[in-house]
Amino acid sequence: ELTSWEDPAGFTLQYPQNLTLNKH
């Protein structure tokens, strides 16, 4: 299962749901 991410820098991506995202 993938989660979508839209970044204000101007790109989008997807990543597996069981990961932790640190936006720093």
PDBML (XML) file of the C-alpha atoms, coordinates in Angstrom:
<?xml version="1.0" encoding="UTF-8" ?>
<PDBx:datablock datablockName="MODEL"
   xmlns:PDBx="http://pdbml.pdb.org/schema/pdbx-v50.xsd"
   xmlns:xsi="http://www.w3.org/2001/XMLSchema-instance"
   xsi:schemaLocation="http://pdbml.pdb.org/schema/pdbx-v50.xsd pdbx-v50.xsd">
   <PDBx:atom_siteCategory>
      <PDBx:atom_site id="1">
         <PDBx:B_iso_or_equiv>0.00</PDBx:B_iso_or_equiv>
         <PDBx:Cartn_x>0.000</PDBx:Cartn_x>
         <PDBx:Cartn_y>0.000</PDBx:Cartn_y>
         <PDBx:Cartn_z>0.000</PDBx:Cartn_z>
         <PDBx:auth_asym_id>A</PDBx:auth_asym_id>
         <PDBx:auth_atom_id>CA</PDBx:auth_atom_id>
         <PDBx:auth_comp_id>GLU</PDBx:auth_comp_id>
         <PDBx:auth_seq_id>1</PDBx:auth_seq_id>
         <PDBx:group_PDB>ATOM</PDBx:group_PDB>
         <PDBx:label_alt_id xsi:nil="true" />
         <PDBx:label_asym_id>A</PDBx:label_asym_id>
         <PDBx:label_atom_id>CA</PDBx:label_atom_id>
         <PDBx:label_comp_id>GLU</PDBx:label_comp_id>
         <PDBx:label_entity_id>1</PDBx:label_entity_id>
         <PDBx:label_seq_id>1</PDBx:label_seq_id>
         <PDBx:occupancy>1.00</PDBx:occupancy>
         <PDBx:pdbx_PDB_model_num>1</PDBx:pdbx_PDB_model_num>
         <PDBx:type_symbol>C</PDBx:type_symbol>
      </PDBx:atom_site>
      <PDBx:atom_site id="2">
         <PDBx:B_iso_or_equiv>0.00</PDBx:B_iso_or_equiv>
         <PDBx:Cartn_x>1.457</PDBx:Cartn_x>
         <PDBx:Cartn_y>3.342</PDBx:Cartn_y>
         <PDBx:Cartn_z>-1.081</PDBx:Cartn_z>
         <PDBx:auth_asym_id>A</PDBx:auth_asym_id>
         <PDBx:auth_atom_id>CA</PDBx:auth_atom_id>
         <PDBx:auth_comp_id>LEU</PDBx:auth_comp_id>
         <PDBx:auth_seq_id>2</PDBx:auth_seq_id>
         <PDBx:group_PDB>ATOM</PDBx:group_PDB>
         <PDBx:label_alt_id xsi:nil="true" />
         <PDBx:label_asym_id>A</PDBx:label_asym_id>
         <PDBx:label_atom_id>CA</PDBx:label_atom_id>
         <PDBx:label_comp_id>LEU</PDBx:label_comp_id>
         <PDBx:label_entity_id>1</PDBx:label_entity_id>
         <PDBx:label_seq_id>2</PDBx:label_seq_id>
         <PDBx:occupancy>1.00</PDBx:occupancy>
         <PDBx:pdbx_PDB_model_num>1</PDBx:pdbx_PDB_model_num>
         <PDBx:type_symbol>C</PDBx:type_symbol>
      </PDBx:atom_site>
      <PDBx:atom_site id="3">
         <PDBx:B_iso_or_equiv>0.00</PDBx:B_iso_or_equiv>
         <PDBx:Cartn_x>1.102</PDBx:Cartn_x>
         <PDBx:Cartn_y>6.846</PDBx:Cartn_y>
         <PDBx:Cartn_z>0.320</PDBx:Cartn_z>
         <PDBx:auth_asym_id>A</PDBx:auth_asym_id>
         <PDBx:auth_atom_id>CA</PDBx:auth_atom_id>
         <PDBx:auth_comp_id>THR</PDBx:auth_comp_id>
         <PDBx:auth_seq_id>3</PDBx:auth_seq_id>
         <PDBx:group_PDB>ATOM</PDBx:group_PDB>
         <PDBx:label_alt_id xsi:nil="true" />
         <PDBx:label_asym_id>A</PDBx:label_asym_id>
         <PDBx:label_atom_id>CA</PDBx:label_atom_id>
         <PDBx:label_comp_id>THR</PDBx:label_comp_id>
         <PDBx:label_entity_id>1</PDBx:label_entity_id>
         <PDBx:label_seq_id>3</PDBx:label_seq_id>
         <PDBx:occupancy>1.00</PDBx:occupancy>
         <PDBx:pdbx_PDB_model_num>1</PDBx:pdbx_PDB_model_num>
         <PDBx:type_symbol>C</PDBx:type_symbol>
      </PDBx:atom_site>
      <PDBx:atom_site id="4">
         <PDBx:B_iso_or_equiv>0.00</PDBx:B_iso_or_equiv>
         <PDBx:Cartn_x>1.321</PDBx:Cartn_x>
         <PDBx:Cartn_y>9.893</PDBx:Cartn_y>
         <PDBx:Cartn_z>-1.942</PDBx:Cartn_z>
         <PDBx:auth_asym_id>A</PDBx:auth_asym_id>
         <PDBx:auth_atom_id>CA</PDBx:auth_atom_id>
         <PDBx:auth_comp_id>SER</PDBx:auth_comp_id>
         <PDBx:auth_seq_id>4</PDBx:auth_seq_id>
         <PDBx:group_PDB>ATOM</PDBx:group_PDB>
         <PDBx:label_alt_id xsi:nil="true" />
         <PDBx:label_asym_id>A</PDBx:label_asym_id>
         <PDBx:label_atom_id>CA</PDBx:label_atom_id>
         <PDBx:label_comp_id>SER</PDBx:label_comp_id>
         <PDBx:label_entity_id>1</PDBx:label_entity_id>
         <PDBx:label_seq_id>4</PDBx:label_seq_id>
         <PDBx:occupancy>1.00</PDBx:occupancy>
         <PDBx:pdbx_PDB_model_num>1</PDBx:pdbx_PDB_model_num>
         <PDBx:type_symbol>C</PDBx:type_symbol>
      </PDBx:atom_site>
      <PDBx:atom_site id="5">
         <PDBx:B_iso_or_equiv>0.00</PDBx:B_iso_or_equiv>
         <PDBx:Cartn_x>3.347</PDBx:Cartn_x>
         <PDBx:Cartn_y>12.974</PDBx:Cartn_y>
         <PDBx:Cartn_z>-1.067</PDBx:Cartn_z>
         <PDBx:auth_asym_id>A</PDBx:auth_asym_id>
         <PDBx:auth_atom_id>CA</PDBx:auth_atom_id>
         <PDBx:auth_comp_id>TRP</PDBx:auth_comp_id>
         <PDBx:auth_seq_id>5</PDBx:auth_seq_id>
         <PDBx:group_PDB>ATOM</PDBx:group_PDB>
         <PDBx:label_alt_id xsi:nil="true" />
         <PDBx:label_asym_id>A</PDBx:label_asym_id>
         <PDBx:label_atom_id>CA</PDBx:label_atom_id>
         <PDBx:label_comp_id>TRP</PDBx:label_comp_id>
         <PDBx:label_entity_id>1</PDBx:label_entity_id>
         <PDBx:label_seq_id>5</PDBx:label_seq_id>
         <PDBx:occupancy>1.00</PDBx:occupancy>
         <PDBx:pdbx_PDB_model_num>1</PDBx:pdbx_PDB_model_num>
         <PDBx:type_symbol>C</PDBx:type_symbol>
      </PDBx:atom_site>
      <PDBx:atom_site id="6">
         <PDBx:B_iso_or_equiv>0.00</PDBx:B_iso_or_equiv>
         <PDBx:Cartn_x>3.145</PDBx:Cartn_x>
         <PDBx:Cartn_y>16.369</PDBx:Cartn_y>
         <PDBx:Cartn_z>-2.776</PDBx:Cartn_z>
         <PDBx:auth_asym_id>A</PDBx:auth_asym_id>
         <PDBx:auth_atom_id>CA</PDBx:auth_atom_id>
         <PDBx:auth_comp_id>GLU</PDBx:auth_comp_id>
         <PDBx:auth_seq_id>6</PDBx:auth_seq_id>
         <PDBx:group_PDB>ATOM</PDBx:group_PDB>
         <PDBx:label_alt_id xsi:nil="true" />
         <PDBx:label_asym_id>A</PDBx:label_asym_id>
         <PDBx:label_atom_id>CA</PDBx:label_atom_id>
         <PDBx:label_comp_id>GLU</PDBx:label_comp_id>
         <PDBx:label_entity_id>1</PDBx:label_entity_id>
         <PDBx:label_seq_id>6</PDBx:label_seq_id>
         <PDBx:occupancy>1.00</PDBx:occupancy>
         <PDBx:pdbx_PDB_model_num>1</PDBx:pdbx_PDB_model_num>
         <PDBx:type_symbol>C</PDBx:type_symbol>
      </PDBx:atom_site>
      <PDBx:atom_site id="7">
         <PDBx:B_iso_or_equiv>0.00</PDBx:B_iso_or_equiv>
         <PDBx:Cartn_x>6.068</PDBx:Cartn_x>
         <PDBx:Cartn_y>18.567</PDBx:Cartn_y>
         <PDBx:Cartn_z>-1.891</PDBx:Cartn_z>
         <PDBx:auth_asym_id>A</PDBx:auth_asym_id>
         <PDBx:auth_atom_id>CA</PDBx:auth_atom_id>
         <PDBx:auth_comp_id>ASP</PDBx:auth_comp_id>
         <PDBx:auth_seq_id>7</PDBx:auth_seq_id>
         <PDBx:group_PDB>ATOM</PDBx:group_PDB>
         <PDBx:label_alt_id xsi:nil="true" />
         <PDBx:label_asym_id>A</PDBx:label_asym_id>
         <PDBx:label_atom_id>CA</PDBx:label_atom_id>
         <PDBx:label_comp_id>ASP</PDBx:label_comp_id>
         <PDBx:label_entity_id>1</PDBx:label_entity_id>
         <PDBx:label_seq_id>7</PDBx:label_seq_id>
         <PDBx:occupancy>1.00</PDBx:occupancy>
         <PDBx:pdbx_PDB_model_num>1</PDBx:pdbx_PDB_model_num>
         <PDBx:type_symbol>C</PDBx:type_symbol>
      </PDBx:atom_site>
      <PDBx:atom_site id="8">
         <PDBx:B_iso_or_equiv>0.00</PDBx:B_iso_or_equiv>
         <PDBx:Cartn_x>5.987</PDBx:Cartn_x>
         <PDBx:Cartn_y>22.371</PDBx:Cartn_y>
         <PDBx:Cartn_z>-1.938</PDBx:Cartn_z>
         <PDBx:auth_asym_id>A</PDBx:auth_asym_id>
         <PDBx:auth_atom_id>CA</PDBx:auth_atom_id>
         <PDBx:auth_comp_id>PRO</PDBx:auth_comp_id>
         <PDBx:auth_seq_id>8</PDBx:auth_seq_id>
         <PDBx:group_PDB>ATOM</PDBx:group_PDB>
         <PDBx:label_alt_id xsi:nil="true" />
         <PDBx:label_asym_id>A</PDBx:label_asym_id>
         <PDBx:label_atom_id>CA</PDBx:label_atom_id>
         <PDBx:label_comp_id>PRO</PDBx:label_comp_id>
         <PDBx:label_entity_id>1</PDBx:label_entity_id>
         <PDBx:label_seq_id>8</PDBx:label_seq_id>
         <PDBx:occupancy>1.00</PDBx:occupancy>
         <PDBx:pdbx_PDB_model_num>1</PDBx:pdbx_PDB_model_num>
         <PDBx:type_symbol>C</PDBx:type_symbol>
      </PDBx:atom_site>
      <PDBx:atom_site id="9">
         <PDBx:B_iso_or_equiv>0.00</PDBx:B_iso_or_equiv>
         <PDBx:Cartn_x>9.354</PDBx:Cartn_x>
         <PDBx:Cartn_y>22.300</PDBx:Cartn_y>
         <PDBx:Cartn_z>-3.721</PDBx:Cartn_z>
         <PDBx:auth_asym_id>A</PDBx:auth_asym_id>
         <PDBx:auth_atom_id>CA</PDBx:auth_atom_id>
         <PDBx:auth_comp_id>ALA</PDBx:auth_comp_id>
         <PDBx:auth_seq_id>9</PDBx:auth_seq_id>
         <PDBx:group_PDB>ATOM</PDBx:group_PDB>
         <PDBx:label_alt_id xsi:nil="true" />
         <PDBx:label_asym_id>A</PDBx:label_asym_id>
         <PDBx:label_atom_id>CA</PDBx:label_atom_id>
         <PDBx:label_comp_id>ALA</PDBx:label_comp_id>
         <PDBx:label_entity_id>1</PDBx:label_entity_id>
         <PDBx:label_seq_id>9</PDBx:label_seq_id>
         <PDBx:occupancy>1.00</PDBx:occupancy>
         <PDBx:pdbx_PDB_model_num>1</PDBx:pdbx_PDB_model_num>
         <PDBx:type_symbol>C</PDBx:type_symbol>
      </PDBx:atom_site>
      <PDBx:atom_site id="10">
         <PDBx:B_iso_or_equiv>0.00</PDBx:B_iso_or_equiv>
         <PDBx:Cartn_x>7.479</PDBx:Cartn_x>
         <PDBx:Cartn_y>21.190</PDBx:Cartn_y>
         <PDBx:Cartn_z>-6.852</PDBx:Cartn_z>
         <PDBx:auth_asym_id>A</PDBx:auth_asym_id>
         <PDBx:auth_atom_id>CA</PDBx:auth_atom_id>
         <PDBx:auth_comp_id>GLY</PDBx:auth_comp_id>
         <PDBx:auth_seq_id>10</PDBx:auth_seq_id>
         <PDBx:group_PDB>ATOM</PDBx:group_PDB>
         <PDBx:label_alt_id xsi:nil="true" />
         <PDBx:label_asym_id>A</PDBx:label_asym_id>
         <PDBx:label_atom_id>CA</PDBx:label_atom_id>
         <PDBx:label_comp_id>GLY</PDBx:label_comp_id>
         <PDBx:label_entity_id>1</PDBx:label_entity_id>
         <PDBx:label_seq_id>10</PDBx:label_seq_id>
         <PDBx:occupancy>1.00</PDBx:occupancy>
         <PDBx:pdbx_PDB_model_num>1</PDBx:pdbx_PDB_model_num>
         <PDBx:type_symbol>C</PDBx:type_symbol>
      </PDBx:atom_site>
      <PDBx:atom_site id="11">
         <PDBx:B_iso_or_equiv>0.00</PDBx:B_iso_or_equiv>
         <PDBx:Cartn_x>7.349</PDBx:Cartn_x>
         <PDBx:Cartn_y>17.395</PDBx:Cartn_y>
         <PDBx:Cartn_z>-7.066</PDBx:Cartn_z>
         <PDBx:auth_asym_id>A</PDBx:auth_asym_id>
         <PDBx:auth_atom_id>CA</PDBx:auth_atom_id>
         <PDBx:auth_comp_id>PHE</PDBx:auth_comp_id>
         <PDBx:auth_seq_id>11</PDBx:auth_seq_id>
         <PDBx:group_PDB>ATOM</PDBx:group_PDB>
         <PDBx:label_alt_id xsi:nil="true" />
         <PDBx:label_asym_id>A</PDBx:label_asym_id>
         <PDBx:label_atom_id>CA</PDBx:label_atom_id>
         <PDBx:label_comp_id>PHE</PDBx:label_comp_id>
         <PDBx:label_entity_id>1</PDBx:label_entity_id>
         <PDBx:label_seq_id>11</PDBx:label_seq_id>
         <PDBx:occupancy>1.00</PDBx:occupancy>
         <PDBx:pdbx_PDB_model_num>1</PDBx:pdbx_PDB_model_num>
         <PDBx:type_symbol>C</PDBx:type_symbol>
      </PDBx:atom_site>
      <PDBx:atom_site id="12">
         <PDBx:B_iso_or_equiv>0.00</PDBx:B_iso_or_equiv>
         <PDBx:Cartn_x>5.227</PDBx:Cartn_x>
         <PDBx:Cartn_y>14.424</PDBx:Cartn_y>
         <PDBx:Cartn_z>-6.082</PDBx:Cartn_z>
         <PDBx:auth_asym_id>A</PDBx:auth_asym_id>
         <PDBx:auth_atom_id>CA</PDBx:auth_atom_id>
         <PDBx:auth_comp_id>THR</PDBx:auth_comp_id>
         <PDBx:auth_seq_id>12</PDBx:auth_seq_id>
         <PDBx:group_PDB>ATOM</PDBx:group_PDB>
         <PDBx:label_alt_id xsi:nil="true" />
         <PDBx:label_asym_id>A</PDBx:label_asym_id>
         <PDBx:label_atom_id>CA</PDBx:label_atom_id>
         <PDBx:label_comp_id>THR</PDBx:label_comp_id>
         <PDBx:label_entity_id>1</PDBx:label_entity_id>
         <PDBx:label_seq_id>12</PDBx:label_seq_id>
         <PDBx:occupancy>1.00</PDBx:occupancy>
         <PDBx:pdbx_PDB_model_num>1</PDBx:pdbx_PDB_model_num>
         <PDBx:type_symbol>C</PDBx:type_symbol>
      </PDBx:atom_site>
      <PDBx:atom_site id="13">
         <PDBx:B_iso_or_equiv>0.00</PDBx:B_iso_or_equiv>
         <PDBx:Cartn_x>6.126</PDBx:Cartn_x>
         <PDBx:Cartn_y>10.864</PDBx:Cartn_y>
         <PDBx:Cartn_z>-5.146</PDBx:Cartn_z>
         <PDBx:auth_asym_id>A</PDBx:auth_asym_id>
         <PDBx:auth_atom_id>CA</PDBx:auth_atom_id>
         <PDBx:auth_comp_id>LEU</PDBx:auth_comp_id>
         <PDBx:auth_seq_id>13</PDBx:auth_seq_id>
         <PDBx:group_PDB>ATOM</PDBx:group_PDB>
         <PDBx:label_alt_id xsi:nil="true" />
         <PDBx:label_asym_id>A</PDBx:label_asym_id>
         <PDBx:label_atom_id>CA</PDBx:label_atom_id>
         <PDBx:label_comp_id>LEU</PDBx:label_comp_id>
         <PDBx:label_entity_id>1</PDBx:label_entity_id>
         <PDBx:label_seq_id>13</PDBx:label_seq_id>
         <PDBx:occupancy>1.00</PDBx:occupancy>
         <PDBx:pdbx_PDB_model_num>1</PDBx:pdbx_PDB_model_num>
         <PDBx:type_symbol>C</PDBx:type_symbol>
      </PDBx:atom_site>
      <PDBx:atom_site id="14">
         <PDBx:B_iso_or_equiv>0.00</PDBx:B_iso_or_equiv>
         <PDBx:Cartn_x>4.751</PDBx:Cartn_x>
         <PDBx:Cartn_y>7.710</PDBx:Cartn_y>
         <PDBx:Cartn_z>-3.549</PDBx:Cartn_z>
         <PDBx:auth_asym_id>A</PDBx:auth_asym_id>
         <PDBx:auth_atom_id>CA</PDBx:auth_atom_id>
         <PDBx:auth_comp_id>GLN</PDBx:auth_comp_id>
         <PDBx:auth_seq_id>14</PDBx:auth_seq_id>
         <PDBx:group_PDB>ATOM</PDBx:group_PDB>
         <PDBx:label_alt_id xsi:nil="true" />
         <PDBx:label_asym_id>A</PDBx:label_asym_id>
         <PDBx:label_atom_id>CA</PDBx:label_atom_id>
         <PDBx:label_comp_id>GLN</PDBx:label_comp_id>
         <PDBx:label_entity_id>1</PDBx:label_entity_id>
         <PDBx:label_seq_id>14</PDBx:label_seq_id>
         <PDBx:occupancy>1.00</PDBx:occupancy>
         <PDBx:pdbx_PDB_model_num>1</PDBx:pdbx_PDB_model_num>
         <PDBx:type_symbol>C</PDBx:type_symbol>
      </PDBx:atom_site>
      <PDBx:atom_site id="15">
         <PDBx:B_iso_or_equiv>0.00</PDBx:B_iso_or_equiv>
         <PDBx:Cartn_x>6.198</PDBx:Cartn_x>
         <PDBx:Cartn_y>5.498</PDBx:Cartn_y>
         <PDBx:Cartn_z>-0.824</PDBx:Cartn_z>
         <PDBx:auth_asym_id>A</PDBx:auth_asym_id>
         <PDBx:auth_atom_id>CA</PDBx:auth_atom_id>
         <PDBx:auth_comp_id>TYR</PDBx:auth_comp_id>
         <PDBx:auth_seq_id>15</PDBx:auth_seq_id>
         <PDBx:group_PDB>ATOM</PDBx:group_PDB>
         <PDBx:label_alt_id xsi:nil="true" />
         <PDBx:label_asym_id>A</PDBx:label_asym_id>
         <PDBx:label_atom_id>CA</PDBx:label_atom_id>
         <PDBx:label_comp_id>TYR</PDBx:label_comp_id>
         <PDBx:label_entity_id>1</PDBx:label_entity_id>
         <PDBx:label_seq_id>15</PDBx:label_seq_id>
         <PDBx:occupancy>1.00</PDBx:occupancy>
         <PDBx:pdbx_PDB_model_num>1</PDBx:pdbx_PDB_model_num>
         <PDBx:type_symbol>C</PDBx:type_symbol>
      </PDBx:atom_site>
      <PDBx:atom_site id="16">
         <PDBx:B_iso_or_equiv>0.00</PDBx:B_iso_or_equiv>
         <PDBx:Cartn_x>5.169</PDBx:Cartn_x>
         <PDBx:Cartn_y>2.360</PDBx:Cartn_y>
         <PDBx:Cartn_z>1.125</PDBx:Cartn_z>
         <PDBx:auth_asym_id>A</PDBx:auth_asym_id>
         <PDBx:auth_atom_id>CA</PDBx:auth_atom_id>
         <PDBx:auth_comp_id>PRO</PDBx:auth_comp_id>
         <PDBx:auth_seq_id>16</PDBx:auth_seq_id>
         <PDBx:group_PDB>ATOM</PDBx:group_PDB>
         <PDBx:label_alt_id xsi:nil="true" />
         <PDBx:label_asym_id>A</PDBx:label_asym_id>
         <PDBx:label_atom_id>CA</PDBx:label_atom_id>
         <PDBx:label_comp_id>PRO</PDBx:label_comp_id>
         <PDBx:label_entity_id>1</PDBx:label_entity_id>
         <PDBx:label_seq_id>16</PDBx:label_seq_id>
         <PDBx:occupancy>1.00</PDBx:occupancy>
         <PDBx:pdbx_PDB_model_num>1</PDBx:pdbx_PDB_model_num>
         <PDBx:type_symbol>C</PDBx:type_symbol>
      </PDBx:atom_site>
      <PDBx:atom_site id="17">
         <PDBx:B_iso_or_equiv>0.00</PDBx:B_iso_or_equiv>
         <PDBx:Cartn_x>2.796</PDBx:Cartn_x>
         <PDBx:Cartn_y>3.056</PDBx:Cartn_y>
         <PDBx:Cartn_z>4.031</PDBx:Cartn_z>
         <PDBx:auth_asym_id>A</PDBx:auth_asym_id>
         <PDBx:auth_atom_id>CA</PDBx:auth_atom_id>
         <PDBx:auth_comp_id>GLN</PDBx:auth_comp_id>
         <PDBx:auth_seq_id>17</PDBx:auth_seq_id>
         <PDBx:group_PDB>ATOM</PDBx:group_PDB>
         <PDBx:label_alt_id xsi:nil="true" />
         <PDBx:label_asym_id>A</PDBx:label_asym_id>
         <PDBx:label_atom_id>CA</PDBx:label_atom_id>
         <PDBx:label_comp_id>GLN</PDBx:label_comp_id>
         <PDBx:label_entity_id>1</PDBx:label_entity_id>
         <PDBx:label_seq_id>17</PDBx:label_seq_id>
         <PDBx:occupancy>1.00</PDBx:occupancy>
         <PDBx:pdbx_PDB_model_num>1</PDBx:pdbx_PDB_model_num>
         <PDBx:type_symbol>C</PDBx:type_symbol>
      </PDBx:atom_site>
      <PDBx:atom_site id="18">
         <PDBx:B_iso_or_equiv>0.00</PDBx:B_iso_or_equiv>
         <PDBx:Cartn_x>4.934</PDBx:Cartn_x>
         <PDBx:Cartn_y>1.260</PDBx:Cartn_y>
         <PDBx:Cartn_z>6.619</PDBx:Cartn_z>
         <PDBx:auth_asym_id>A</PDBx:auth_asym_id>
         <PDBx:auth_atom_id>CA</PDBx:auth_atom_id>
         <PDBx:auth_comp_id>ASN</PDBx:auth_comp_id>
         <PDBx:auth_seq_id>18</PDBx:auth_seq_id>
         <PDBx:group_PDB>ATOM</PDBx:group_PDB>
         <PDBx:label_alt_id xsi:nil="true" />
         <PDBx:label_asym_id>A</PDBx:label_asym_id>
         <PDBx:label_atom_id>CA</PDBx:label_atom_id>
         <PDBx:label_comp_id>ASN</PDBx:label_comp_id>
         <PDBx:label_entity_id>1</PDBx:label_entity_id>
         <PDBx:label_seq_id>18</PDBx:label_seq_id>
         <PDBx:occupancy>1.00</PDBx:occupancy>
         <PDBx:pdbx_PDB_model_num>1</PDBx:pdbx_PDB_model_num>
         <PDBx:type_symbol>C</PDBx:type_symbol>
      </PDBx:atom_site>
      <PDBx:atom_site id="19">
         <PDBx:B_iso_or_equiv>0.00</PDBx:B_iso_or_equiv>
         <PDBx:Cartn_x>7.736</PDBx:Cartn_x>
         <PDBx:Cartn_y>3.815</PDBx:Cartn_y>
         <PDBx:Cartn_z>6.300</PDBx:Cartn_z>
         <PDBx:auth_asym_id>A</PDBx:auth_asym_id>
         <PDBx:auth_atom_id>CA</PDBx:auth_atom_id>
         <PDBx:auth_comp_id>LEU</PDBx:auth_comp_id>
         <PDBx:auth_seq_id>19</PDBx:auth_seq_id>
         <PDBx:group_PDB>ATOM</PDBx:group_PDB>
         <PDBx:label_alt_id xsi:nil="true" />
         <PDBx:label_asym_id>A</PDBx:label_asym_id>
         <PDBx:label_atom_id>CA</PDBx:label_atom_id>
         <PDBx:label_comp_id>LEU</PDBx:label_comp_id>
         <PDBx:label_entity_id>1</PDBx:label_entity_id>
         <PDBx:label_seq_id>19</PDBx:label_seq_id>
         <PDBx:occupancy>1.00</PDBx:occupancy>
         <PDBx:pdbx_PDB_model_num>1</PDBx:pdbx_PDB_model_num>
         <PDBx:type_symbol>C</PDBx:type_symbol>
      </PDBx:atom_site>
      <PDBx:atom_site id="20">
         <PDBx:B_iso_or_equiv>0.00</PDBx:B_iso_or_equiv>
         <PDBx:Cartn_x>8.269</PDBx:Cartn_x>
         <PDBx:Cartn_y>6.834</PDBx:Cartn_y>
         <PDBx:Cartn_z>8.526</PDBx:Cartn_z>
         <PDBx:auth_asym_id>A</PDBx:auth_asym_id>
         <PDBx:auth_atom_id>CA</PDBx:auth_atom_id>
         <PDBx:auth_comp_id>THR</PDBx:auth_comp_id>
         <PDBx:auth_seq_id>20</PDBx:auth_seq_id>
         <PDBx:group_PDB>ATOM</PDBx:group_PDB>
         <PDBx:label_alt_id xsi:nil="true" />
         <PDBx:label_asym_id>A</PDBx:label_asym_id>
         <PDBx:label_atom_id>CA</PDBx:label_atom_id>
         <PDBx:label_comp_id>THR</PDBx:label_comp_id>
         <PDBx:label_entity_id>1</PDBx:label_entity_id>
         <PDBx:label_seq_id>20</PDBx:label_seq_id>
         <PDBx:occupancy>1.00</PDBx:occupancy>
         <PDBx:pdbx_PDB_model_num>1</PDBx:pdbx_PDB_model_num>
         <PDBx:type_symbol>C</PDBx:type_symbol>
      </PDBx:atom_site>
      <PDBx:atom_site id="21">
         <PDBx:B_iso_or_equiv>0.00</PDBx:B_iso_or_equiv>
         <PDBx:Cartn_x>8.667</PDBx:Cartn_x>
         <PDBx:Cartn_y>10.190</PDBx:Cartn_y>
         <PDBx:Cartn_z>6.774</PDBx:Cartn_z>
         <PDBx:auth_asym_id>A</PDBx:auth_asym_id>
         <PDBx:auth_atom_id>CA</PDBx:auth_atom_id>
         <PDBx:auth_comp_id>LEU</PDBx:auth_comp_id>
         <PDBx:auth_seq_id>21</PDBx:auth_seq_id>
         <PDBx:group_PDB>ATOM</PDBx:group_PDB>
         <PDBx:label_alt_id xsi:nil="true" />
         <PDBx:label_asym_id>A</PDBx:label_asym_id>
         <PDBx:label_atom_id>CA</PDBx:label_atom_id>
         <PDBx:label_comp_id>LEU</PDBx:label_comp_id>
         <PDBx:label_entity_id>1</PDBx:label_entity_id>
         <PDBx:label_seq_id>21</PDBx:label_seq_id>
         <PDBx:occupancy>1.00</PDBx:occupancy>
         <PDBx:pdbx_PDB_model_num>1</PDBx:pdbx_PDB_model_num>
         <PDBx:type_symbol>C</PDBx:type_symbol>
      </PDBx:atom_site>
      <PDBx:atom_site id="22">
         <PDBx:B_iso_or_equiv>0.00</PDBx:B_iso_or_equiv>
         <PDBx:Cartn_x>10.797</PDBx:Cartn_x>
         <PDBx:Cartn_y>12.913</PDBx:Cartn_y>
         <PDBx:Cartn_z>8.349</PDBx:Cartn_z>
         <PDBx:auth_asym_id>A</PDBx:auth_asym_id>
         <PDBx:auth_atom_id>CA</PDBx:auth_atom_id>
         <PDBx:auth_comp_id>ASN</PDBx:auth_comp_id>
         <PDBx:auth_seq_id>22</PDBx:auth_seq_id>
         <PDBx:group_PDB>ATOM</PDBx:group_PDB>
         <PDBx:label_alt_id xsi:nil="true" />
         <PDBx:label_asym_id>A</PDBx:label_asym_id>
         <PDBx:label_atom_id>CA</PDBx:label_atom_id>
         <PDBx:label_comp_id>ASN</PDBx:label_comp_id>
         <PDBx:label_entity_id>1</PDBx:label_entity_id>
         <PDBx:label_seq_id>22</PDBx:label_seq_id>
         <PDBx:occupancy>1.00</PDBx:occupancy>
         <PDBx:pdbx_PDB_model_num>1</PDBx:pdbx_PDB_model_num>
         <PDBx:type_symbol>C</PDBx:type_symbol>
      </PDBx:atom_site>
      <PDBx:atom_site id="23">
         <PDBx:B_iso_or_equiv>0.00</PDBx:B_iso_or_equiv>
         <PDBx:Cartn_x>10.385</PDBx:Cartn_x>
         <PDBx:Cartn_y>16.184</PDBx:Cartn_y>
         <PDBx:Cartn_z>6.422</PDBx:Cartn_z>
         <PDBx:auth_asym_id>A</PDBx:auth_asym_id>
         <PDBx:auth_atom_id>CA</PDBx:auth_atom_id>
         <PDBx:auth_comp_id>LYS</PDBx:auth_comp_id>
         <PDBx:auth_seq_id>23</PDBx:auth_seq_id>
         <PDBx:group_PDB>ATOM</PDBx:group_PDB>
         <PDBx:label_alt_id xsi:nil="true" />
         <PDBx:label_asym_id>A</PDBx:label_asym_id>
         <PDBx:label_atom_id>CA</PDBx:label_atom_id>
         <PDBx:label_comp_id>LYS</PDBx:label_comp_id>
         <PDBx:label_entity_id>1</PDBx:label_entity_id>
         <PDBx:label_seq_id>23</PDBx:label_seq_id>
         <PDBx:occupancy>1.00</PDBx:occupancy>
         <PDBx:pdbx_PDB_model_num>1</PDBx:pdbx_PDB_model_num>
         <PDBx:type_symbol>C</PDBx:type_symbol>
      </PDBx:atom_site>
      <PDBx:atom_site id="24">
         <PDBx:B_iso_or_equiv>0.00</PDBx:B_iso_or_equiv>
         <PDBx:Cartn_x>13.346</PDBx:Cartn_x>
         <PDBx:Cartn_y>17.814</PDBx:Cartn_y>
         <PDBx:Cartn_z>8.237</PDBx:Cartn_z>
         <PDBx:auth_asym_id>A</PDBx:auth_asym_id>
         <PDBx:auth_atom_id>CA</PDBx:auth_atom_id>
         <PDBx:auth_comp_id>HIS</PDBx:auth_comp_id>
         <PDBx:auth_seq_id>24</PDBx:auth_seq_id>
         <PDBx:group_PDB>ATOM</PDBx:group_PDB>
         <PDBx:label_alt_id xsi:nil="true" />
         <PDBx:label_asym_id>A</PDBx:label_asym_id>
         <PDBx:label_atom_id>CA</PDBx:label_atom_id>
         <PDBx:label_comp_id>HIS</PDBx:label_comp_id>
         <PDBx:label_entity_id>1</PDBx:label_entity_id>
         <PDBx:label_seq_id>24</PDBx:label_seq_id>
         <PDBx:occupancy>1.00</PDBx:occupancy>
         <PDBx:pdbx_PDB_model_num>1</PDBx:pdbx_PDB_model_num>
         <PDBx:type_symbol>C</PDBx:type_symbol>
      </PDBx:atom_site>
   </PDBx:atom_siteCategory>
</PDBx:datablock>
